[in-house]
Structures are given as structure tokens and as C-alpha cells.
Amino acid sequence: MRVVVGRIGKAHGIRGEVTVELRTDEPERRFAPGMTLLGSDGTTFEVESVREHGPGLLVGFVGVHDRNAAETLRGTILEADVDPDALPEDEDEFYDRQLVGLRAVHVDGHELGTIAEVLHLPGHDLLAVRTPDEREVLVPFVHAIVPEVDVVAGIARIDPPGGLFDADEE
């Protein structure tokens, strides 16, 4: 299974390094030297070097050794092949693919909808819940609001603040 792990930004310096905007919670695993990543255009990239840079990384790829070559990569989406049965190391963490499709159920038991997407924002992640009437409700993915996720049962229990799903709720 292929998952998006980053997007190449601008070139950095003259030796072919590029900035990478992260789209993974496991950068140390996905961008380790020797790892092979797939570009959105089908190109393969082998990570040669990596170091932290602000909120992202500076990455050097095998065969990309000057600024001009690095600039041509700008905007490339990077994907990694991931075992679909692999799980995060921490039991309170989830891959997006584990959450998308789960039933969103109010803590009192009534159906709220289905998780359609996970949005990664600087403050915290949001769950985009598609309601039965086809609205999209963005739910902060924090323990106070989503106290339980049971991937095996296919359910995310949600305790939404009043008005999040309906103006007259709670």
C-alpha cells in the first residue's frame, strides 16, 4: 500500500538538498538514509542524507547533487510503500487509513456519520465526518472529544461540544 509521506519544497544550498514538508508522523522511519520513496510522477528516490530543518526536513537524494537538479523536484509528492497490516508503535496513534471509513458514533450511542478524511493541521488533526445527510463536520481529533477509537470494531466514539453536529444538539 502506498501512503503520502511528504512534499518536496525548494532547493536548499548548492549541494542538491531539498526541503520536505512532512505528511507522516514517522519521519525518522520514512526518511532514513537508504529508504526508497516514490515520486508522484513514478520516479524513485533513495534517501542519501536527512536532517531537521524547522517544521520539516532537509533531504539529500542519491543522484541529486546540485541546486539545478534539486529545483526540478519542487512540488513532487513523495510516497512510501507500507505494509497494510503495519501499525504505529504507540497504541494511541493511528494511521489515516485505519481511521477513514470508521463509523462515528456519539458517546450516547447514536450514529453521527462516517470518517471520510483526516486533516493534518498545525494545531491538531481533524476528522472530517460525513453525516447521513451528506454534510461534512470537522471534529478535532483530541481525546476530550474523541475518547475512544476501536479500529477492530470499526467505531470512533465522539463526545462533541454542543452545536458541532446540530445547532440544537445538547
N, C-alpha and C. Protein backbone atom coordinates (compact mmCIF):
# COMPACT_ATOMS: atom_id res chain seq x y z
N MET A 1 0.85 -1.16 0.00
CA MET A 1 0.00 0.00 0.00
C MET A 1 0.90 1.23 0.00
N ARG A 2 0.57 2.21 -0.84
CA ARG A 2 1.35 3.44 -0.91
C ARG A 2 0.67 4.53 -0.09
N VAL A 3 1.47 5.24 0.72
CA VAL A 3 0.96 6.35 1.50
C VAL A 3 1.85 7.57 1.28
N VAL A 4 1.23 8.75 1.29
CA VAL A 4 1.96 10.00 1.11
C VAL A 4 2.71 10.30 2.40
N VAL A 5 4.01 10.60 2.27
CA VAL A 5 4.84 10.90 3.44
C VAL A 5 5.44 12.30 3.42
N GLY A 6 5.36 12.97 2.27
CA GLY A 6 5.92 14.32 2.20
C GLY A 6 5.75 14.96 0.84
N ARG A 7 6.12 16.25 0.78
CA ARG A 7 6.11 17.00 -0.47
C ARG A 7 7.41 17.77 -0.54
N ILE A 8 8.09 17.67 -1.67
CA ILE A 8 9.36 18.36 -1.85
C ILE A 8 9.09 19.85 -2.06
N GLY A 9 9.84 20.65 -1.30
CA GLY A 9 9.76 22.11 -1.42
C GLY A 9 10.93 22.64 -2.24
N LYS A 10 11.44 23.77 -1.82
CA LYS A 10 12.51 24.42 -2.59
C LYS A 10 13.87 23.78 -2.33
N ALA A 11 14.78 24.05 -3.25
CA ALA A 11 16.16 23.60 -3.09
C ALA A 11 16.79 24.38 -1.94
N HIS A 12 17.76 23.75 -1.28
CA HIS A 12 18.44 24.39 -0.16
C HIS A 12 19.94 24.26 -0.38
N GLY A 13 20.61 25.37 -0.52
CA GLY A 13 22.06 25.34 -0.74
C GLY A 13 22.40 24.93 -2.16
N ILE A 14 23.67 24.55 -2.35
CA ILE A 14 24.15 24.25 -3.71
C ILE A 14 24.47 22.76 -3.92
N ARG A 15 24.26 21.93 -2.91
CA ARG A 15 24.65 20.52 -3.00
C ARG A 15 23.49 19.57 -3.25
N GLY A 16 22.33 20.09 -3.65
CA GLY A 16 21.22 19.22 -4.05
C GLY A 16 20.22 18.88 -2.97
N GLU A 17 20.37 19.44 -1.78
CA GLU A 17 19.37 19.17 -0.74
C GLU A 17 18.07 19.91 -1.06
N VAL A 18 16.97 19.34 -0.60
CA VAL A 18 15.65 19.97 -0.76
C VAL A 18 14.94 20.00 0.59
N THR A 19 14.05 20.98 0.73
CA THR A 19 13.20 20.98 1.92
C THR A 19 12.07 19.99 1.66
N VAL A 20 11.61 19.36 2.72
CA VAL A 20 10.49 18.42 2.60
C VAL A 20 9.45 18.77 3.65
N GLU A 21 8.23 19.04 3.18
CA GLU A 21 7.09 19.26 4.06
C GLU A 21 6.58 17.88 4.44
N LEU A 22 6.57 17.59 5.72
CA LEU A 22 6.21 16.25 6.19
C LEU A 22 4.71 15.99 6.15
N ARG A 23 4.36 14.78 5.77
CA ARG A 23 2.98 14.30 5.79
C ARG A 23 2.93 12.95 6.50
N THR A 24 3.85 12.75 7.44
CA THR A 24 3.93 11.50 8.19
C THR A 24 4.27 11.80 9.63
N ASP A 25 3.78 10.97 10.52
CA ASP A 25 4.13 11.09 11.93
C ASP A 25 5.40 10.32 12.25
N GLU A 26 5.96 9.64 11.26
CA GLU A 26 7.15 8.83 11.48
C GLU A 26 8.28 9.22 10.52
N PRO A 27 8.72 10.48 10.55
CA PRO A 27 9.75 10.90 9.60
C PRO A 27 11.06 10.14 9.76
N GLU A 28 11.41 9.78 10.99
CA GLU A 28 12.66 9.06 11.22
C GLU A 28 12.64 7.69 10.58
N ARG A 29 11.46 7.14 10.39
CA ARG A 29 11.30 5.82 9.75
C ARG A 29 11.20 5.96 8.23
N ARG A 30 10.46 6.92 7.76
CA ARG A 30 10.20 7.07 6.32
C ARG A 30 11.35 7.73 5.56
N PHE A 31 12.13 8.58 6.25
CA PHE A 31 13.20 9.33 5.58
C PHE A 31 14.58 8.92 6.08
N ALA A 32 14.74 7.70 6.51
CA ALA A 32 16.04 7.21 6.94
C ALA A 32 16.94 7.00 5.72
N PRO A 33 18.24 7.31 5.85
CA PRO A 33 19.15 7.04 4.73
C PRO A 33 19.03 5.60 4.25
N GLY A 34 18.96 5.45 2.93
CA GLY A 34 18.80 4.13 2.32
C GLY A 34 17.37 3.80 1.95
N MET A 35 16.39 4.54 2.53
CA MET A 35 14.98 4.29 2.22
C MET A 35 14.68 4.73 0.79
N THR A 36 13.80 4.00 0.12
CA THR A 36 13.38 4.35 -1.22
C THR A 36 11.96 4.91 -1.16
N LEU A 37 11.78 6.08 -1.77
CA LEU A 37 10.48 6.73 -1.84
C LEU A 37 10.06 6.83 -3.29
N LEU A 38 8.77 6.92 -3.52
CA LEU A 38 8.23 7.02 -4.87
C LEU A 38 7.69 8.42 -5.10
N GLY A 39 8.05 9.02 -6.23
CA GLY A 39 7.55 10.34 -6.56
C GLY A 39 6.21 10.24 -7.24
N SER A 40 5.47 11.35 -7.23
CA SER A 40 4.13 11.38 -7.83
C SER A 40 4.18 11.10 -9.33
N ASP A 41 5.34 11.27 -9.95
CA ASP A 41 5.47 11.01 -11.38
C ASP A 41 6.03 9.62 -11.68
N GLY A 42 6.16 8.79 -10.64
CA GLY A 42 6.68 7.44 -10.83
C GLY A 42 8.17 7.30 -10.60
N THR A 43 8.88 8.40 -10.41
CA THR A 43 10.31 8.38 -10.16
C THR A 43 10.59 7.80 -8.78
N THR A 44 11.68 7.05 -8.66
CA THR A 44 12.08 6.56 -7.34
C THR A 44 13.22 7.42 -6.81
N PHE A 45 13.21 7.63 -5.51
CA PHE A 45 14.23 8.44 -4.84
C PHE A 45 14.79 7.64 -3.68
N GLU A 46 16.12 7.55 -3.61
CA GLU A 46 16.76 6.92 -2.46
C GLU A 46 17.30 8.01 -1.56
N VAL A 47 16.91 7.97 -0.30
CA VAL A 47 17.35 8.98 0.67
C VAL A 47 18.84 8.76 0.95
N GLU A 48 19.62 9.82 0.74
CA GLU A 48 21.06 9.76 0.98
C GLU A 48 21.42 10.41 2.32
N SER A 49 20.77 11.53 2.61
CA SER A 49 21.03 12.24 3.86
C SER A 49 19.75 12.93 4.32
N VAL A 50 19.68 13.17 5.63
CA VAL A 50 18.49 13.83 6.18
C VAL A 50 18.89 14.55 7.46
N ARG A 51 18.29 15.74 7.64
CA ARG A 51 18.47 16.47 8.89
C ARG A 51 17.27 17.36 9.11
N GLU A 52 17.02 17.67 10.38
CA GLU A 52 15.87 18.50 10.72
C GLU A 52 16.09 19.92 10.22
N HIS A 53 14.97 20.56 9.83
CA HIS A 53 15.01 21.93 9.35
C HIS A 53 13.65 22.57 9.63
N GLY A 54 13.55 23.33 10.73
CA GLY A 54 12.27 23.94 11.09
C GLY A 54 11.23 22.85 11.32
N PRO A 55 10.03 23.05 10.74
CA PRO A 55 8.98 22.05 10.93
C PRO A 55 9.13 20.85 9.98
N GLY A 56 10.09 20.89 9.08
CA GLY A 56 10.26 19.81 8.11
C GLY A 56 11.65 19.23 8.17
N LEU A 57 12.11 18.79 7.00
CA LEU A 57 13.42 18.17 6.88
C LEU A 57 14.18 18.76 5.71
N LEU A 58 15.50 18.63 5.75
CA LEU A 58 16.35 18.84 4.58
C LEU A 58 16.81 17.44 4.17
N VAL A 59 16.52 17.09 2.92
CA VAL A 59 16.81 15.73 2.45
C VAL A 59 17.69 15.80 1.21
N GLY A 60 18.69 14.93 1.18
CA GLY A 60 19.51 14.75 0.00
C GLY A 60 19.17 13.39 -0.59
N PHE A 61 19.01 13.35 -1.91
CA PHE A 61 18.69 12.08 -2.58
C PHE A 61 19.87 11.64 -3.42
N VAL A 62 20.06 10.33 -3.53
CA VAL A 62 21.12 9.77 -4.37
C VAL A 62 20.93 10.27 -5.79
N GLY A 63 22.00 10.79 -6.39
CA GLY A 63 21.95 11.26 -7.78
C GLY A 63 21.52 12.70 -7.95
N VAL A 64 21.14 13.37 -6.88
CA VAL A 64 20.75 14.79 -6.95
C VAL A 64 21.81 15.55 -6.17
N HIS A 65 22.78 16.12 -6.93
CA HIS A 65 23.94 16.70 -6.27
C HIS A 65 24.18 18.17 -6.56
N ASP A 66 23.21 18.84 -7.18
CA ASP A 66 23.36 20.29 -7.36
C ASP A 66 22.00 20.98 -7.27
N ARG A 67 22.04 22.27 -7.11
CA ARG A 67 20.84 23.06 -6.92
C ARG A 67 19.89 22.96 -8.11
N ASN A 68 20.42 22.95 -9.32
CA ASN A 68 19.56 22.89 -10.51
C ASN A 68 18.75 21.59 -10.54
N ALA A 69 19.39 20.48 -10.23
CA ALA A 69 18.68 19.20 -10.21
C ALA A 69 17.64 19.21 -9.09
N ALA A 70 17.99 19.78 -7.95
CA ALA A 70 17.07 19.83 -6.81
C ALA A 70 15.84 20.68 -7.14
N GLU A 71 16.04 21.79 -7.84
CA GLU A 71 14.91 22.68 -8.18
C GLU A 71 13.88 21.99 -9.07
N THR A 72 14.31 21.05 -9.89
CA THR A 72 13.36 20.36 -10.78
C THR A 72 12.40 19.45 -10.01
N LEU A 73 12.73 19.14 -8.76
CA LEU A 73 11.91 18.23 -7.95
C LEU A 73 10.81 18.94 -7.18
N ARG A 74 10.87 20.26 -7.15
CA ARG A 74 9.93 21.05 -6.34
C ARG A 74 8.47 20.68 -6.64
N GLY A 75 7.70 20.45 -5.57
CA GLY A 75 6.29 20.12 -5.70
C GLY A 75 6.00 18.63 -5.81
N THR A 76 7.04 17.81 -5.92
CA THR A 76 6.85 16.37 -6.05
C THR A 76 6.30 15.80 -4.74
N ILE A 77 5.23 15.03 -4.86
CA ILE A 77 4.66 14.33 -3.71
C ILE A 77 5.44 13.03 -3.54
N LEU A 78 5.86 12.75 -2.31
CA LEU A 78 6.63 11.54 -2.01
C LEU A 78 5.74 10.52 -1.32
N GLU A 79 5.82 9.28 -1.78
CA GLU A 79 5.04 8.20 -1.20
C GLU A 79 5.97 7.08 -0.78
N ALA A 80 5.52 6.29 0.20
CA ALA A 80 6.27 5.13 0.66
C ALA A 80 5.38 3.90 0.54
N ASP A 81 5.98 2.78 0.22
CA ASP A 81 5.26 1.51 0.26
C ASP A 81 5.20 1.06 1.71
N VAL A 82 3.99 0.81 2.18
CA VAL A 82 3.78 0.45 3.58
C VAL A 82 2.98 -0.84 3.64
N ASP A 83 3.37 -1.72 4.53
CA ASP A 83 2.61 -2.95 4.76
C ASP A 83 1.24 -2.55 5.28
N PRO A 84 0.15 -2.94 4.59
CA PRO A 84 -1.18 -2.52 5.03
C PRO A 84 -1.57 -3.03 6.41
N ASP A 85 -0.87 -4.04 6.91
CA ASP A 85 -1.16 -4.56 8.25
C ASP A 85 -0.28 -3.93 9.33
N ALA A 86 0.67 -3.07 8.91
CA ALA A 86 1.56 -2.44 9.88
C ALA A 86 0.78 -1.44 10.73
N LEU A 87 1.17 -1.36 11.99
CA LEU A 87 0.51 -0.45 12.93
C LEU A 87 1.56 0.47 13.55
N PRO A 88 1.14 1.67 13.97
CA PRO A 88 2.07 2.55 14.68
C PRO A 88 2.55 1.88 15.96
N GLU A 89 3.72 2.31 16.43
CA GLU A 89 4.28 1.70 17.64
C GLU A 89 3.46 2.04 18.87
N ASP A 90 2.93 3.25 18.96
CA ASP A 90 2.13 3.68 20.12
C ASP A 90 0.68 3.27 19.92
N GLU A 91 0.09 2.60 20.90
CA GLU A 91 -1.29 2.12 20.76
C GLU A 91 -2.31 3.24 20.68
N ASP A 92 -1.95 4.48 21.07
CA ASP A 92 -2.86 5.62 20.97
C ASP A 92 -2.68 6.41 19.69
N GLU A 93 -1.88 5.90 18.76
CA GLU A 93 -1.70 6.54 17.47
C GLU A 93 -2.34 5.68 16.40
N PHE A 94 -2.73 6.34 15.30
CA PHE A 94 -3.40 5.64 14.21
C PHE A 94 -2.91 6.17 12.89
N TYR A 95 -2.84 5.30 11.91
CA TYR A 95 -2.59 5.75 10.54
C TYR A 95 -3.92 6.23 9.98
N ASP A 96 -3.86 7.19 9.07
CA ASP A 96 -5.08 7.72 8.45
C ASP A 96 -5.93 6.60 7.88
N ARG A 97 -5.27 5.63 7.24
CA ARG A 97 -6.00 4.54 6.59
C ARG A 97 -6.79 3.69 7.58
N GLN A 98 -6.40 3.72 8.86
CA GLN A 98 -7.14 2.99 9.88
C GLN A 98 -8.40 3.75 10.30
N LEU A 99 -8.37 5.07 10.19
CA LEU A 99 -9.48 5.90 10.65
C LEU A 99 -10.54 6.13 9.58
N VAL A 100 -10.08 6.31 8.33
CA VAL A 100 -11.04 6.57 7.25
C VAL A 100 -11.95 5.37 7.07
N GLY A 101 -13.24 5.63 7.10
CA GLY A 101 -14.24 4.59 6.95
C GLY A 101 -14.86 4.13 8.26
N LEU A 102 -14.26 4.54 9.39
CA LEU A 102 -14.85 4.16 10.68
C LEU A 102 -16.19 4.86 10.88
N ARG A 103 -17.11 4.18 11.56
CA ARG A 103 -18.38 4.80 11.93
C ARG A 103 -18.11 5.77 13.07
N ALA A 104 -18.63 6.98 12.94
CA ALA A 104 -18.55 7.97 14.01
C ALA A 104 -19.84 7.86 14.81
N VAL A 105 -19.69 7.51 16.09
CA VAL A 105 -20.85 7.26 16.94
C VAL A 105 -20.76 8.18 18.16
N HIS A 106 -21.87 8.84 18.48
CA HIS A 106 -21.93 9.69 19.68
C HIS A 106 -21.73 8.79 20.90
N VAL A 107 -21.15 9.32 21.97
CA VAL A 107 -20.92 8.51 23.17
C VAL A 107 -22.22 7.96 23.74
N ASP A 108 -23.37 8.59 23.40
CA ASP A 108 -24.65 8.06 23.87
C ASP A 108 -25.19 6.95 22.96
N GLY A 109 -24.46 6.67 21.86
CA GLY A 109 -24.81 5.55 21.00
C GLY A 109 -25.39 5.87 19.64
N HIS A 110 -25.88 7.10 19.40
CA HIS A 110 -26.49 7.35 18.09
C HIS A 110 -25.43 7.68 17.03
N GLU A 111 -25.78 7.32 15.80
CA GLU A 111 -24.87 7.47 14.66
C GLU A 111 -24.68 8.95 14.31
N LEU A 112 -23.42 9.32 14.08
CA LEU A 112 -23.12 10.68 13.63
C LEU A 112 -22.72 10.70 12.16
N GLY A 113 -22.16 9.60 11.68
CA GLY A 113 -21.72 9.53 10.29
C GLY A 113 -20.54 8.60 10.13
N THR A 114 -19.73 8.90 9.11
CA THR A 114 -18.56 8.09 8.78
C THR A 114 -17.36 9.00 8.61
N ILE A 115 -16.21 8.58 9.12
CA ILE A 115 -14.99 9.37 8.94
C ILE A 115 -14.56 9.26 7.48
N ALA A 116 -14.54 10.40 6.80
CA ALA A 116 -14.22 10.44 5.37
C ALA A 116 -12.77 10.80 5.10
N GLU A 117 -12.16 11.54 6.03
CA GLU A 117 -10.81 12.03 5.79
C GLU A 117 -10.19 12.47 7.11
N VAL A 118 -8.86 12.46 7.17
CA VAL A 118 -8.14 13.00 8.32
C VAL A 118 -7.34 14.18 7.80
N LEU A 119 -7.55 15.34 8.41
CA LEU A 119 -6.85 16.56 8.01
C LEU A 119 -5.77 16.86 9.04
N HIS A 120 -4.55 17.10 8.57
CA HIS A 120 -3.43 17.37 9.46
C HIS A 120 -3.13 18.87 9.44
N LEU A 121 -3.47 19.54 10.52
CA LEU A 121 -3.26 20.98 10.65
C LEU A 121 -2.16 21.23 11.67
N PRO A 122 -1.60 22.44 11.68
CA PRO A 122 -0.51 22.71 12.63
C PRO A 122 -0.90 22.52 14.10
N GLY A 123 -2.12 22.91 14.49
CA GLY A 123 -2.53 22.80 15.89
C GLY A 123 -2.83 21.38 16.31
N HIS A 124 -3.64 20.70 15.54
CA HIS A 124 -4.01 19.31 15.81
C HIS A 124 -4.72 18.77 14.58
N ASP A 125 -4.95 17.48 14.58
CA ASP A 125 -5.62 16.84 13.45
C ASP A 125 -7.13 16.99 13.59
N LEU A 126 -7.81 16.95 12.44
CA LEU A 126 -9.27 17.00 12.40
C LEU A 126 -9.78 15.76 11.69
N LEU A 127 -10.90 15.23 12.15
CA LEU A 127 -11.59 14.16 11.45
C LEU A 127 -12.73 14.78 10.66
N ALA A 128 -12.76 14.55 9.37
CA ALA A 128 -13.86 15.02 8.53
C ALA A 128 -14.92 13.92 8.55
N VAL A 129 -16.03 14.19 9.24
CA VAL A 129 -17.11 13.21 9.38
C VAL A 129 -18.21 13.55 8.39
N ARG A 130 -18.55 12.59 7.54
CA ARG A 130 -19.65 12.73 6.57
C ARG A 130 -20.91 12.24 7.27
N THR A 131 -21.87 13.17 7.47
CA THR A 131 -23.10 12.83 8.19
C THR A 131 -24.07 12.11 7.26
N PRO A 132 -25.11 11.47 7.81
CA PRO A 132 -26.09 10.79 6.96
C PRO A 132 -26.78 11.71 5.96
N ASP A 133 -26.87 13.02 6.28
CA ASP A 133 -27.49 13.96 5.34
C ASP A 133 -26.44 14.62 4.43
N GLU A 134 -25.25 13.99 4.34
CA GLU A 134 -24.18 14.38 3.41
C GLU A 134 -23.47 15.69 3.76
N ARG A 135 -23.60 16.18 4.99
CA ARG A 135 -22.81 17.33 5.41
C ARG A 135 -21.44 16.82 5.87
N GLU A 136 -20.47 17.73 5.86
CA GLU A 136 -19.15 17.39 6.39
C GLU A 136 -18.94 18.19 7.67
N VAL A 137 -18.64 17.49 8.76
CA VAL A 137 -18.39 18.12 10.05
C VAL A 137 -16.95 17.84 10.42
N LEU A 138 -16.20 18.90 10.76
CA LEU A 138 -14.80 18.75 11.14
C LEU A 138 -14.71 18.63 12.66
N VAL A 139 -14.20 17.50 13.12
CA VAL A 139 -14.13 17.18 14.54
C VAL A 139 -12.67 17.19 14.98
N PRO A 140 -12.31 18.03 15.96
CA PRO A 140 -10.93 17.99 16.47
C PRO A 140 -10.60 16.60 17.00
N PHE A 141 -9.50 16.05 16.54
CA PHE A 141 -9.09 14.71 16.96
C PHE A 141 -8.24 14.81 18.22
N VAL A 142 -8.93 15.12 19.32
CA VAL A 142 -8.31 15.22 20.64
C VAL A 142 -9.08 14.29 21.57
N HIS A 143 -8.41 13.80 22.60
CA HIS A 143 -9.01 12.80 23.48
C HIS A 143 -10.30 13.30 24.15
N ALA A 144 -10.39 14.58 24.48
CA ALA A 144 -11.58 15.10 25.14
C ALA A 144 -12.82 14.98 24.26
N ILE A 145 -12.64 15.02 22.94
CA ILE A 145 -13.78 14.96 22.01
C ILE A 145 -13.91 13.59 21.38
N VAL A 146 -12.79 12.91 21.15
CA VAL A 146 -12.81 11.54 20.59
C VAL A 146 -12.15 10.63 21.64
N PRO A 147 -12.92 10.25 22.67
CA PRO A 147 -12.33 9.49 23.77
C PRO A 147 -11.99 8.05 23.44
N GLU A 148 -12.56 7.50 22.36
CA GLU A 148 -12.32 6.09 22.06
C GLU A 148 -12.30 5.85 20.56
N VAL A 149 -11.28 5.14 20.12
CA VAL A 149 -11.21 4.66 18.75
C VAL A 149 -10.99 3.15 18.83
N ASP A 150 -11.92 2.41 18.24
CA ASP A 150 -11.83 0.95 18.23
C ASP A 150 -11.78 0.51 16.77
N VAL A 151 -10.55 0.38 16.27
CA VAL A 151 -10.36 0.03 14.86
C VAL A 151 -10.95 -1.33 14.55
N VAL A 152 -10.80 -2.29 15.45
CA VAL A 152 -11.31 -3.64 15.23
C VAL A 152 -12.83 -3.62 15.09
N ALA A 153 -13.51 -2.86 15.94
CA ALA A 153 -14.98 -2.77 15.88
C ALA A 153 -15.45 -1.79 14.80
N GLY A 154 -14.52 -0.98 14.27
CA GLY A 154 -14.87 -0.04 13.22
C GLY A 154 -15.61 1.19 13.72
N ILE A 155 -15.30 1.62 14.96
CA ILE A 155 -16.04 2.72 15.57
C ILE A 155 -15.10 3.75 16.19
N ALA A 156 -15.46 5.02 16.02
CA ALA A 156 -14.83 6.12 16.76
C ALA A 156 -15.94 6.77 17.57
N ARG A 157 -15.81 6.73 18.89
CA ARG A 157 -16.82 7.35 19.75
C ARG A 157 -16.46 8.83 19.91
N ILE A 158 -17.48 9.66 19.74
CA ILE A 158 -17.28 11.11 19.75
C ILE A 158 -18.19 11.74 20.79
N ASP A 159 -17.62 12.66 21.57
CA ASP A 159 -18.36 13.43 22.56
C ASP A 159 -18.25 14.90 22.14
N PRO A 160 -19.06 15.29 21.12
CA PRO A 160 -18.90 16.62 20.55
C PRO A 160 -19.42 17.72 21.46
N PRO A 161 -18.77 18.88 21.39
CA PRO A 161 -19.33 20.02 22.12
C PRO A 161 -20.67 20.40 21.49
N GLY A 162 -21.55 21.00 22.27
CA GLY A 162 -22.87 21.38 21.78
C GLY A 162 -22.79 22.19 20.50
N GLY A 163 -23.62 21.83 19.54
CA GLY A 163 -23.71 22.56 18.28
C GLY A 163 -22.76 22.12 17.20
N LEU A 164 -21.84 21.22 17.49
CA LEU A 164 -20.88 20.81 16.46
C LEU A 164 -21.57 20.08 15.32
N PHE A 165 -22.49 19.18 15.65
CA PHE A 165 -23.20 18.45 14.61
C PHE A 165 -24.55 19.09 14.28
N ASP A 166 -25.23 19.64 15.26
CA ASP A 166 -26.51 20.31 15.06
C ASP A 166 -26.58 21.49 16.00
N ALA A 167 -27.20 22.58 15.55
CA ALA A 167 -27.31 23.78 16.39
C ALA A 167 -28.11 23.50 17.66
N ASP A 168 -29.05 22.57 17.62
CA ASP A 168 -29.89 22.31 18.79
C ASP A 168 -29.41 21.11 19.61
N GLU A 169 -28.25 20.53 19.23
CA GLU A 169 -27.73 19.36 19.96
C GLU A 169 -27.21 19.80 21.32
N GLU A 170 -27.46 19.01 22.31
CA GLU A 170 -27.02 19.20 23.68
C GLU A 170 -27.46 20.56 24.14
